[in-house]
Amino acid sequence: MTREQERDELHRAIWQIANDLRGSVDGWDFKSYVLGMLFYRFISENLTSFINKEEQRTGNANFDYSKISDKDAEFGRADTVKEKGFFILPSELFVNVCKNAKADEDLNETLSRVFKNIENSAKGTDSEDDLKGLFDDIDVNSNKLGATVQKRNEKLQKILDAIGGLSLGDYQDNTNDMFGDAYEFLMTMYASNAGKSGGEFFTPQEVSELLAEITVVGKKQVNKVYDPACGSGSLLLKFAKVLGKENVRQGFFGQEVNITTYNLCRINMFLHDINYEKFDIAHGDTLTEPKHWDDEPFDCIVSNPPYSIKWEGDANPLLINDSRFSPAGVLAPKSKADLAFTMHMLSWLATSGTAAIVEFPGILYRGGAEQKIRKYLIDNNYIDTVIQLPPDLFFGTTIATCVIVLKKSKKDNATLFIDASAEFVRGGNKNKLSEDNRKRILNAFIERNDEAHFTCLVPNSEIAENDYNIAVSSYVEQEDTREEIDITKLNAEIETIVARQSELRKAIDAIVADLEGGKR
């Protein structure tokens, strides 16, 4: 079976699980249980594989961690936590809990205990913050699972069986990242059905890949990647695909304000086999409580921050003196924080780095404080490229967003505008960037040339004369797709039609005259 066939089979199986198990629990709430159990299975198999390999290396060829006693397993706890960041007793591994689930009348309490034990295994260690709260959204005692303990346990058993039945391959031989792919498919599926609540923190994979590719042009390795509004982590993880996780040397950094999404992001890191020491995901408001002061600057920054949300702005007198925002001399409006995120990212960008940010289109042309911030960005030659994306790409909104690419070290004093509004294919109920669409946009970004109706390289002085308007439509002329009309030919056709009409009228008049003569 090919990789694509394996992936298609996996997607069909996941879709079936979702259809079989939803009902009393809303789909978007229910994803916490499905994703949580998928995570539980992954870390169980990941840990088992790690320990088995270590034992087999010492000559114990038939060793199977899942079959030894908890007492024997305890001897390796400290070393395992130091290496993997967590520990799971053999009796508490997914495979063993799943095997005993049907006969376990206290399955909900068993799972609750197991989840607490996994989190507690990291207490007092370097991985404590990375494990803390990861299972908080899997409420095994929720009434949403059923009105009685028995009903809840029946539902939990179904989830365990369904996740256990997914064909994810032998973890030791699994090079296809099937766990990560299962997560991405689940998130896409739930986001597409959840409207705004789902789309708020999930960026479509093809958009994520384009942003990552833009920021690593000409690079095979980077030190650190960062997303200040990281959601479920899909943008950050595209660097693992584009470069290979081993080529992000110091790891993946992000911050997320929503606690549930913050948990999902950390789960996503583990599911893509990014070990705890290679990621640092923080919880909190990036604009007012940034958590990575000691880690900046970053080589690559990618982000799809929330559109036009409210923030403190000039109501907080400390912010205008914040080194992230003060260079522009003005703060983003309190009702529209978009350019506050942009200024934050610029501040934390390495001198040789690149940032690619999905933006709400209004920030390209609105006046007031936003115009002054654009003036600062253009006058200091920080905006490298503005890309107009097609409409209806993102979950939860149909608006045509744009991408602003920032650089601190440019080779010219101009801004490239790319009109990619027609670069899409229709897939289901959303537009999508195909591989060809993505490649065309990326090549235009790299080549930095003029192409009629697609790209235009504009001197920053010309942008200044245009009141610092950086809307793509102001510089890239739309192609006129109307049919060209030959006026001379059209006039000749009209003359022919008029002459024919005259002949028909005469013929009709003659017929009428004959009929009237016959009546007499």
Protein backbone atom coordinates (compact mmCIF):
# COMPACT_ATOMS: atom_id res chain seq x y z
CA MET A 1 0.00 0.00 0.00
CA THR A 2 1.40 3.43 -0.97
CA ARG A 3 1.74 6.30 1.48
CA GLU A 4 -1.22 8.09 -0.13
CA GLN A 5 -3.37 4.95 0.05
CA GLU A 6 -2.44 4.52 3.72
CA ARG A 7 -3.40 8.14 4.37
CA ASP A 8 -6.72 7.82 2.52
CA GLU A 9 -7.52 4.65 4.46
CA LEU A 10 -6.71 6.40 7.72
CA HIS A 11 -8.92 9.36 6.83
CA ARG A 12 -11.84 7.07 5.99
CA ALA A 13 -11.44 5.27 9.31
CA ILE A 14 -11.33 8.54 11.28
CA TRP A 15 -14.40 9.84 9.46
CA GLN A 16 -16.24 6.65 10.37
CA ILE A 17 -15.24 6.98 14.03
CA ALA A 18 -16.56 10.54 14.12
CA ASN A 19 -19.86 9.49 12.55
CA ASP A 20 -20.25 6.49 14.86
CA LEU A 21 -19.43 8.30 18.08
CA ARG A 22 -20.96 11.74 17.82
CA GLY A 23 -24.52 12.31 18.84
CA SER A 24 -25.11 13.54 22.36
CA VAL A 25 -21.72 15.27 22.34
CA ASP A 26 -21.29 18.20 19.96
CA GLY A 27 -18.64 17.48 17.32
CA TRP A 28 -16.35 20.33 18.27
CA ASP A 29 -16.47 19.39 21.98
CA PHE A 30 -16.11 15.74 21.13
CA LYS A 31 -12.83 16.31 19.32
CA SER A 32 -11.18 16.77 22.72
CA TYR A 33 -11.94 13.15 23.56
CA VAL A 34 -10.88 11.78 20.18
CA LEU A 35 -7.68 13.84 20.01
CA GLY A 36 -6.93 13.18 23.69
CA MET A 37 -7.20 9.41 23.29
CA LEU A 38 -5.12 9.57 20.11
CA PHE A 39 -2.46 11.41 22.13
CA TYR A 40 -2.70 8.83 24.95
CA ARG A 41 -2.16 6.01 22.44
CA PHE A 42 0.75 7.84 20.81
CA ILE A 43 2.75 8.53 23.96
CA SER A 44 2.12 4.96 25.15
CA GLU A 45 3.48 3.48 21.93
CA ASN A 46 6.26 6.05 21.74
CA LEU A 47 7.44 5.18 25.27
CA THR A 48 7.12 1.42 24.70
CA SER A 49 9.15 1.67 21.50
CA PHE A 50 11.85 3.69 23.22
CA ILE A 51 12.21 1.29 26.17
CA ASN A 52 12.07 -1.81 23.96
CA LYS A 53 14.85 -0.48 21.74
CA GLU A 54 17.03 0.27 24.77
CA GLU A 55 16.54 -3.26 26.12
CA GLN A 56 17.10 -4.88 22.74
CA ARG A 57 20.33 -2.94 22.38
CA THR A 58 21.61 -4.67 25.54
CA GLY A 59 20.81 -8.09 24.07
CA ASN A 60 17.32 -8.65 25.48
CA ALA A 61 15.82 -9.40 22.05
CA ASN A 62 12.36 -10.54 23.19
CA PHE A 63 11.73 -7.76 25.72
CA ASP A 64 8.25 -6.18 25.65
CA TYR A 65 7.68 -3.33 28.08
CA SER A 66 3.89 -3.67 27.85
CA LYS A 67 4.07 -7.17 29.38
CA ILE A 68 6.34 -6.64 32.39
CA SER A 69 5.11 -5.88 35.90
CA ASP A 70 4.68 -2.36 37.23
CA LYS A 71 7.14 -3.23 40.01
CA ASP A 72 9.88 -4.16 37.55
CA ALA A 73 9.15 -1.09 35.43
CA GLU A 74 9.71 1.28 38.36
CA PHE A 75 13.47 0.63 38.24
CA GLY A 76 13.72 2.58 35.00
CA ARG A 77 11.43 5.48 35.89
CA ALA A 78 14.06 8.17 36.57
CA ASP A 79 16.10 7.50 33.41
CA THR A 80 12.97 7.31 31.25
CA VAL A 81 11.60 10.64 32.52
CA LYS A 82 14.98 12.27 31.95
CA GLU A 83 15.00 11.09 28.33
CA LYS A 84 11.33 11.21 27.32
CA GLY A 85 9.93 13.75 29.79
CA PHE A 86 7.24 11.42 31.19
CA PHE A 87 6.64 7.87 32.44
CA ILE A 88 3.78 5.38 32.09
CA LEU A 89 3.52 2.12 34.04
CA PRO A 90 2.92 -0.99 31.88
CA SER A 91 -0.56 -1.52 33.38
CA GLU A 92 -1.45 2.08 32.44
CA LEU A 93 -0.34 1.91 28.81
CA PHE A 94 -3.06 2.52 26.23
CA VAL A 95 -2.91 -1.05 24.92
CA ASN A 96 -3.50 -2.57 28.39
CA VAL A 97 -6.21 -0.13 29.50
CA CYS A 98 -7.94 -0.68 26.15
CA LYS A 99 -7.71 -4.48 26.52
CA ASN A 100 -9.32 -4.39 29.98
CA ALA A 101 -11.83 -1.59 29.25
CA LYS A 102 -14.91 -3.77 28.66
CA ALA A 103 -14.56 -5.51 32.02
CA ASP A 104 -13.62 -2.35 33.92
CA GLU A 105 -16.72 -1.04 35.73
CA ASP A 106 -14.68 1.96 36.89
CA LEU A 107 -13.16 2.80 33.49
CA ASN A 108 -13.74 6.53 33.96
CA GLU A 109 -11.82 6.49 37.26
CA THR A 110 -9.10 4.31 35.74
CA LEU A 111 -8.54 6.79 32.94
CA SER A 112 -8.64 9.75 35.32
CA ARG A 113 -5.96 8.09 37.48
CA VAL A 114 -3.80 7.19 34.47
CA PHE A 115 -3.91 10.73 33.10
CA LYS A 116 -2.98 12.21 36.48
CA ASN A 117 -0.13 9.73 36.89
CA ILE A 118 1.32 10.61 33.49
CA GLU A 119 1.26 14.33 34.32
CA ASN A 120 2.63 13.76 37.82
CA SER A 121 5.52 11.69 36.42
CA ALA A 122 7.03 14.94 35.12
CA LYS A 123 6.66 16.92 38.35
CA GLY A 124 9.88 18.52 39.50
CA THR A 125 11.60 17.87 36.17
CA ASP A 126 12.45 19.98 33.11
CA SER A 127 9.38 18.65 31.28
CA GLU A 128 6.83 19.55 33.99
CA ASP A 129 5.45 22.60 32.17
CA ASP A 130 5.21 20.67 28.90
CA LEU A 131 3.04 17.93 30.45
CA LYS A 132 0.98 19.99 32.90
CA GLY A 133 -2.73 20.12 32.01
CA LEU A 134 -2.47 18.14 28.78
CA PHE A 135 -5.41 15.94 29.72
CA ASP A 136 -7.56 18.69 31.26
CA ASP A 137 -9.99 18.77 28.35
CA ILE A 138 -10.72 15.03 28.51
CA ASP A 139 -13.41 15.13 31.20
CA VAL A 140 -14.13 11.42 31.75
CA ASN A 141 -16.93 12.29 34.18
CA SER A 142 -18.75 14.74 31.92
CA ASN A 143 -22.53 14.43 31.53
CA LYS A 144 -21.91 14.98 27.81
CA LEU A 145 -20.68 11.40 27.67
CA GLY A 146 -23.82 10.05 29.33
CA ALA A 147 -26.21 10.60 32.21
CA THR A 148 -24.86 7.67 34.26
CA VAL A 149 -21.43 6.23 35.01
CA GLN A 150 -22.36 3.15 33.01
CA LYS A 151 -23.31 5.22 29.95
CA ARG A 152 -20.13 7.27 30.22
CA ASN A 153 -17.98 4.18 30.45
CA GLU A 154 -19.71 2.64 27.43
CA LYS A 155 -18.89 5.76 25.42
CA LEU A 156 -15.29 5.85 26.70
CA GLN A 157 -14.84 2.19 25.79
CA LYS A 158 -16.09 2.89 22.26
CA ILE A 159 -13.60 5.75 21.90
CA LEU A 160 -10.73 3.58 23.18
CA ASP A 161 -11.67 0.72 20.85
CA ALA A 162 -12.01 3.06 17.88
CA ILE A 163 -8.67 4.80 18.45
CA GLY A 164 -7.03 1.46 19.20
CA GLY A 165 -8.38 0.09 15.93
CA LEU A 166 -6.84 2.84 13.78
CA SER A 167 -4.12 1.44 11.53
CA LEU A 168 -1.21 3.70 12.42
CA GLY A 169 1.51 1.16 11.71
CA ASP A 170 4.20 -0.19 13.97
CA TYR A 171 5.54 2.87 15.73
CA GLN A 172 9.12 1.60 15.39
CA ASP A 173 8.73 1.43 11.60
CA ASN A 174 6.40 4.38 11.26
CA THR A 175 8.15 6.90 9.03
CA ASN A 176 4.96 8.40 7.61
CA ASP A 177 4.00 10.45 10.67
CA MET A 178 0.59 8.76 10.67
CA PHE A 179 -0.18 9.95 14.21
CA GLY A 180 0.49 13.54 13.19
CA ASP A 181 -1.50 13.08 10.00
CA ALA A 182 -4.43 11.66 11.95
CA TYR A 183 -4.37 14.75 14.18
CA GLU A 184 -4.23 17.13 11.22
CA PHE A 185 -7.14 15.38 9.50
CA LEU A 186 -9.25 15.43 12.67
CA MET A 187 -8.56 19.13 13.17
CA THR A 188 -9.42 19.91 9.55
CA MET A 189 -12.59 17.85 9.72
CA TYR A 190 -13.80 19.41 12.97
CA ALA A 191 -12.78 22.95 11.99
CA SER A 192 -14.67 22.71 8.69
CA ASN A 193 -17.81 21.66 10.55
CA ALA A 194 -17.45 23.98 13.52
CA GLY A 195 -17.71 27.36 11.82
CA LYS A 196 -15.94 30.25 13.49
CA SER A 197 -15.20 28.41 16.73
CA GLY A 198 -13.17 25.82 14.84
CA GLY A 199 -11.50 28.06 12.31
CA GLU A 200 -10.20 30.52 14.88
CA PHE A 201 -7.12 28.46 15.57
CA PHE A 202 -6.59 26.21 12.60
CA THR A 203 -4.73 27.36 9.49
CA PRO A 204 -5.23 25.13 6.41
CA GLN A 205 -2.20 22.94 5.78
CA GLU A 206 -1.44 24.29 2.31
CA VAL A 207 -1.39 27.90 3.61
CA SER A 208 0.82 26.86 6.53
CA GLU A 209 3.22 25.17 4.13
CA LEU A 210 3.43 28.25 1.90
CA LEU A 211 4.28 30.51 4.86
CA ALA A 212 6.97 28.13 6.11
CA GLU A 213 8.46 27.81 2.62
CA ILE A 214 8.58 31.61 2.24
CA THR A 215 10.52 32.04 5.49
CA VAL A 216 13.15 29.37 4.73
CA VAL A 217 14.01 30.31 1.14
CA GLY A 218 17.74 29.72 0.69
CA LYS A 219 18.10 27.96 4.07
CA LYS A 220 18.53 24.27 4.88
CA GLN A 221 18.74 24.79 8.63
CA VAL A 222 17.46 27.38 11.10
CA ASN A 223 17.99 27.88 14.81
CA LYS A 224 14.52 28.75 16.09
CA VAL A 225 11.01 29.16 14.70
CA TYR A 226 8.23 31.14 16.39
CA ASP A 227 4.50 31.83 16.25
CA PRO A 228 3.12 34.38 18.76
CA ALA A 229 -0.49 33.25 18.20
CA CYS A 230 0.22 29.58 17.60
CA GLY A 231 -3.26 28.05 17.97
CA SER A 232 -3.00 24.29 17.56
CA GLY A 233 0.56 24.57 16.23
CA SER A 234 -0.12 23.68 12.59
CA LEU A 235 1.98 26.59 11.29
CA LEU A 236 4.99 25.80 13.45
CA LEU A 237 4.91 22.13 12.58
CA LYS A 238 5.13 22.82 8.87
CA PHE A 239 8.81 23.61 9.47
CA ALA A 240 9.26 19.97 10.49
CA LYS A 241 7.84 18.99 7.11
CA VAL A 242 9.61 21.63 5.00
CA LEU A 243 13.06 21.42 6.65
CA GLY A 244 12.93 18.26 8.76
CA LYS A 245 12.57 18.60 12.54
CA GLU A 246 16.29 17.89 13.04
CA ASN A 247 17.06 21.01 10.98
CA VAL A 248 15.25 23.29 13.43
CA ARG A 249 18.20 23.16 15.79
CA GLN A 250 16.98 24.96 18.90
CA GLY A 251 13.32 24.15 18.50
CA PHE A 252 9.76 25.39 18.12
CA PHE A 253 8.49 28.36 20.14
CA GLY A 254 4.95 29.71 20.44
CA GLN A 255 2.38 31.38 22.64
CA GLU A 256 -1.40 30.92 22.79
CA VAL A 257 -4.00 32.77 24.87
CA ASN A 258 -6.76 30.13 24.74
CA ILE A 259 -6.09 27.41 27.35
CA THR A 260 -7.80 24.60 25.40
CA THR A 261 -5.93 25.47 22.23
CA TYR A 262 -2.69 25.79 24.19
CA ASN A 263 -3.17 22.21 25.38
CA LEU A 264 -3.95 21.08 21.84
CA CYS A 265 -0.77 22.68 20.55
CA ARG A 266 1.42 20.84 23.03
CA ILE A 267 -0.39 17.58 22.23
CA ASN A 268 0.23 18.27 18.55
CA MET A 269 3.97 18.67 19.20
CA PHE A 270 4.13 15.27 20.89
CA LEU A 271 2.01 13.66 18.15
CA HIS A 272 4.51 14.88 15.55
CA ASP A 273 7.29 13.33 17.64
CA ILE A 274 8.76 16.68 18.70
CA ASN A 275 10.22 15.81 22.11
CA TYR A 276 9.65 18.10 25.10
CA GLU A 277 13.12 19.68 25.02
CA LYS A 278 12.59 20.78 21.39
CA PHE A 279 9.48 22.91 21.96
CA ASP A 280 8.48 25.75 24.26
CA ILE A 281 4.79 26.61 24.00
CA ALA A 282 3.60 29.24 26.50
CA HIS A 283 0.14 30.27 27.68
CA GLY A 284 -0.88 33.92 27.85
CA ASP A 285 -1.58 37.13 25.93
CA THR A 286 1.39 37.76 23.65
CA LEU A 287 0.74 41.49 23.28
CA THR A 288 0.65 42.30 26.99
CA GLU A 289 2.42 39.28 28.54
CA PRO A 290 4.99 37.96 26.06
CA LYS A 291 6.70 34.84 27.41
CA HIS A 292 9.81 34.48 25.26
CA TRP A 293 11.86 37.63 25.94
CA ASP A 294 14.88 35.47 26.75
CA ASP A 295 14.60 33.46 23.52
CA GLU A 296 14.26 36.13 20.83
CA PRO A 297 15.35 36.92 18.16
CA PHE A 298 13.91 34.22 15.87
CA ASP A 299 15.11 33.17 12.43
CA CYS A 300 11.65 32.34 11.11
CA ILE A 301 8.31 33.70 12.30
CA VAL A 302 4.98 32.56 10.92
CA SER A 303 1.56 33.48 12.23
CA ASN A 304 -2.15 33.76 11.55
CA PRO A 305 -3.12 36.01 14.47
CA PRO A 306 -6.79 36.71 15.29
CA TYR A 307 -8.30 39.34 12.99
CA SER A 308 -9.11 42.79 14.36
CA ILE A 309 -9.46 41.81 18.01
CA LYS A 310 -9.58 44.39 20.79
CA TRP A 311 -6.53 45.06 22.95
CA GLU A 312 -5.46 47.62 25.58
CA GLY A 313 -3.65 49.91 23.13
CA ASP A 314 -3.20 53.46 24.36
CA ALA A 315 -5.41 52.76 27.38
CA ASN A 316 -2.26 51.24 28.85
CA PRO A 317 0.36 54.04 29.10
CA LEU A 318 3.17 51.48 29.45
CA LEU A 319 2.67 50.03 25.98
CA ILE A 320 3.79 53.11 24.02
CA ASN A 321 7.18 52.75 25.73
CA ASP A 322 7.35 49.02 25.07
CA SER A 323 10.37 48.40 22.82
CA ARG A 324 8.23 46.28 20.50
CA PHE A 325 5.77 49.09 19.71
CA SER A 326 7.57 52.38 20.46
CA PRO A 327 9.62 52.62 17.22
CA ALA A 328 6.46 53.37 15.20
CA GLY A 329 5.58 56.23 17.56
CA VAL A 330 1.96 55.10 17.72
CA LEU A 331 0.01 52.06 18.90
CA ALA A 332 -2.41 50.00 16.85
CA PRO A 333 -6.04 51.03 17.49
CA LYS A 334 -7.68 49.54 20.58
CA SER A 335 -10.36 47.96 18.38
CA LYS A 336 -7.89 46.44 15.89
CA ALA A 337 -4.78 44.74 17.26
CA ASP A 338 -3.59 43.37 13.88
CA LEU A 339 -0.59 45.69 13.49
CA ALA A 340 0.33 45.29 17.16
CA PHE A 341 1.02 41.62 16.39
CA THR A 342 2.96 42.71 13.30
CA MET A 343 5.15 45.10 15.30
CA HIS A 344 5.72 42.43 17.96
CA MET A 345 6.95 39.98 15.30
CA LEU A 346 9.17 42.55 13.64
CA SER A 347 10.77 43.33 16.99
CA TRP A 348 11.57 39.68 17.68
CA LEU A 349 12.77 38.88 14.15
CA ALA A 350 16.48 38.12 13.66
CA THR A 351 18.47 40.48 11.43
CA SER A 352 18.74 37.80 8.74
CA GLY A 353 15.28 36.35 9.44
CA THR A 354 11.94 36.36 7.64
CA ALA A 355 8.40 36.68 9.02
CA ALA A 356 5.28 35.70 7.06
CA ILE A 357 2.01 36.88 8.61
CA VAL A 358 -1.59 36.31 7.53
CA GLU A 359 -3.36 39.66 7.87
CA PHE A 360 -6.87 41.10 7.70
CA PRO A 361 -7.06 43.13 4.44
CA GLY A 362 -8.18 46.35 6.13
CA ILE A 363 -4.73 46.94 7.61
CA LEU A 364 -3.36 47.50 4.10
CA TYR A 365 -5.22 50.74 3.47
CA ARG A 366 -6.99 52.07 6.58
CA GLY A 367 -5.97 55.52 7.82
CA GLY A 368 -5.15 56.87 11.28
CA ALA A 369 -2.72 54.97 13.50
CA GLU A 370 -2.54 52.06 11.08
CA GLN A 371 -1.36 54.34 8.28
CA LYS A 372 1.36 55.72 10.56
CA ILE A 373 2.54 52.19 11.38
CA ARG A 374 2.64 51.34 7.66
CA LYS A 375 4.66 54.52 7.10
CA TYR A 376 7.19 53.34 9.68
CA LEU A 377 7.40 49.90 8.06
CA ILE A 378 7.79 51.22 4.51
CA ASP A 379 10.16 54.10 5.34
CA ASN A 380 12.44 51.65 7.16
CA ASN A 381 12.20 49.11 4.32
CA TYR A 382 10.86 46.28 6.50
CA ILE A 383 8.03 45.10 4.22
CA ASP A 384 9.44 42.70 1.66
CA THR A 385 6.27 41.40 0.00
CA VAL A 386 2.48 41.71 0.17
CA ILE A 387 0.51 38.74 -1.18
CA GLN A 388 -3.23 38.90 -1.87
CA LEU A 389 -4.69 35.45 -1.17
CA PRO A 390 -7.93 34.06 -2.65
CA PRO A 391 -11.22 34.34 -0.73
CA ASP A 392 -12.73 31.47 1.30
CA LEU A 393 -9.46 29.69 2.16
CA PHE A 394 -9.86 29.74 5.93
CA PHE A 395 -12.33 28.00 8.22
CA GLY A 396 -14.78 30.34 9.90
CA THR A 397 -14.48 33.18 7.37
CA THR A 398 -14.85 33.71 3.62
CA ILE A 399 -12.84 36.95 3.45
CA ALA A 400 -9.83 37.21 1.14
CA THR A 401 -6.91 37.57 3.53
CA CYS A 402 -3.38 38.67 2.65
CA VAL A 403 0.16 37.83 3.70
CA ILE A 404 2.76 40.41 4.71
CA VAL A 405 6.38 39.26 4.57
CA LEU A 406 8.81 41.18 6.79
CA LYS A 407 12.61 41.31 6.54
CA LYS A 408 15.20 43.45 8.27
CA SER A 409 17.89 42.91 5.61
CA LYS A 410 16.68 43.50 2.05
CA LYS A 411 18.66 43.84 -1.18
CA ASP A 412 16.44 46.57 -2.62
CA ASN A 413 14.36 49.51 -1.44
CA ALA A 414 11.12 48.27 -2.93
CA THR A 415 8.09 46.14 -2.06
CA LEU A 416 6.87 43.20 -4.12
CA PHE A 417 3.10 42.87 -4.64
CA ILE A 418 1.65 39.48 -5.67
CA ASP A 419 -1.97 39.12 -6.72
CA ALA A 420 -2.72 35.46 -5.98
CA SER A 421 -6.47 36.03 -5.68
CA ALA A 422 -7.14 33.65 -8.60
CA GLU A 423 -4.65 30.99 -7.43
CA PHE A 424 -7.01 28.37 -6.03
CA VAL A 425 -9.02 25.25 -6.75
CA ARG A 426 -12.42 24.52 -5.25
CA GLY A 427 -12.29 21.63 -2.79
CA GLY A 428 -15.56 20.69 -1.10
CA ASN A 429 -17.09 23.81 0.43
CA LYS A 430 -13.82 25.78 0.59
CA ASN A 431 -11.19 27.11 -1.79
CA LYS A 432 -7.74 25.50 -1.57
CA LEU A 433 -4.23 26.31 -2.73
CA SER A 434 -3.13 23.47 -4.98
CA GLU A 435 0.53 22.49 -5.16
CA ASP A 436 0.79 24.35 -8.49
CA ASN A 437 -0.83 27.44 -6.95
CA ARG A 438 1.58 27.34 -4.04
CA LYS A 439 4.62 26.88 -6.28
CA ARG A 440 3.62 29.78 -8.52
CA ILE A 441 3.29 32.11 -5.53
CA LEU A 442 6.59 30.92 -4.02
CA ASN A 443 8.47 31.27 -7.31
CA ALA A 444 7.14 34.82 -7.76
CA PHE A 445 8.32 35.63 -4.22
CA ILE A 446 11.79 34.25 -5.00
CA GLU A 447 12.22 35.77 -8.47
CA ARG A 448 10.94 39.23 -7.45
CA ASN A 449 10.10 40.31 -11.03
CA ASP A 450 7.18 42.08 -12.67
CA GLU A 451 4.60 39.87 -14.36
CA ALA A 452 1.50 41.38 -15.94
CA HIS A 453 -1.63 40.98 -13.80
CA PHE A 454 0.29 38.92 -11.20
CA THR A 455 3.30 40.70 -9.69
CA CYS A 456 4.70 44.21 -9.46
CA LEU A 457 7.89 45.43 -7.75
CA VAL A 458 7.18 48.94 -6.51
CA PRO A 459 9.78 51.46 -5.19
CA ASN A 460 8.97 52.47 -1.64
CA SER A 461 9.01 56.13 -2.72
CA GLU A 462 6.02 55.41 -4.95
CA ILE A 463 4.19 53.77 -2.05
CA ALA A 464 4.89 56.87 0.06
CA GLU A 465 3.36 59.05 -2.69
CA ASN A 466 0.28 56.79 -2.53
CA ASP A 467 -0.26 57.61 1.18
CA TYR A 468 1.37 54.32 2.24
CA ASN A 469 -1.50 52.29 0.82
CA ILE A 470 -0.15 48.75 0.38
CA ALA A 471 -3.27 47.04 -1.01
CA VAL A 472 -2.17 44.74 -3.84
CA SER A 473 -4.96 45.99 -6.12
CA SER A 474 -3.40 49.47 -6.03
CA TYR A 475 -0.28 48.22 -7.84
CA VAL A 476 -1.16 45.03 -9.75
CA GLU A 477 -3.63 45.71 -12.53
CA GLN A 478 -6.45 43.19 -12.77
CA GLU A 479 -6.60 41.30 -16.03
CA ASP A 480 -9.58 42.31 -18.15
CA THR A 481 -11.27 38.98 -18.84
CA ARG A 482 -14.13 40.53 -20.80
CA GLU A 483 -14.43 39.38 -24.40
CA GLU A 484 -12.84 41.81 -26.84
CA ILE A 485 -15.41 43.19 -29.30
CA ASP A 486 -14.66 44.20 -32.90
CA ILE A 487 -16.87 47.29 -33.32
CA THR A 488 -16.67 47.30 -37.14
CA LYS A 489 -17.69 43.65 -37.31
CA LEU A 490 -20.45 44.22 -34.75
CA ASN A 491 -21.86 47.19 -36.73
CA ALA A 492 -21.88 45.08 -39.90
CA GLU A 493 -23.75 42.30 -38.07
CA ILE A 494 -26.27 44.82 -36.74
CA GLU A 495 -26.84 46.20 -40.27
CA THR A 496 -27.48 42.65 -41.52
CA ILE A 497 -29.92 41.99 -38.68
CA VAL A 498 -31.77 45.29 -39.31
CA ALA A 499 -32.02 44.52 -43.06
CA ARG A 500 -33.30 41.02 -42.28
CA GLN A 501 -35.85 42.47 -39.83
CA SER A 502 -37.04 44.87 -42.58
CA GLU A 503 -37.50 41.96 -45.01
CA LEU A 504 -39.41 39.96 -42.40
CA ARG A 505 -41.69 42.90 -41.64
CA LYS A 506 -42.48 43.27 -45.38
CA ALA A 507 -43.21 39.56 -45.66
CA ILE A 508 -45.45 39.65 -42.59
CA ASP A 509 -47.27 42.74 -43.91
CA ALA A 510 -47.89 40.93 -47.21
CA ILE A 511 -49.29 37.87 -45.43
CA VAL A 512 -51.57 40.05 -43.30
CA ALA A 513 -52.77 41.94 -46.42
CA ASP A 514 -53.60 38.62 -48.17
CA LEU A 515 -55.52 37.38 -45.16
CA GLU A 516 -57.49 40.61 -44.87
CA GLY A 517 -58.25 40.54 -48.66
CA GLY A 518 -59.52 36.96 -48.34
CA LYS A 519 -61.97 37.99 -45.59
CA ARG A 520 -63.62 40.51 -47.89
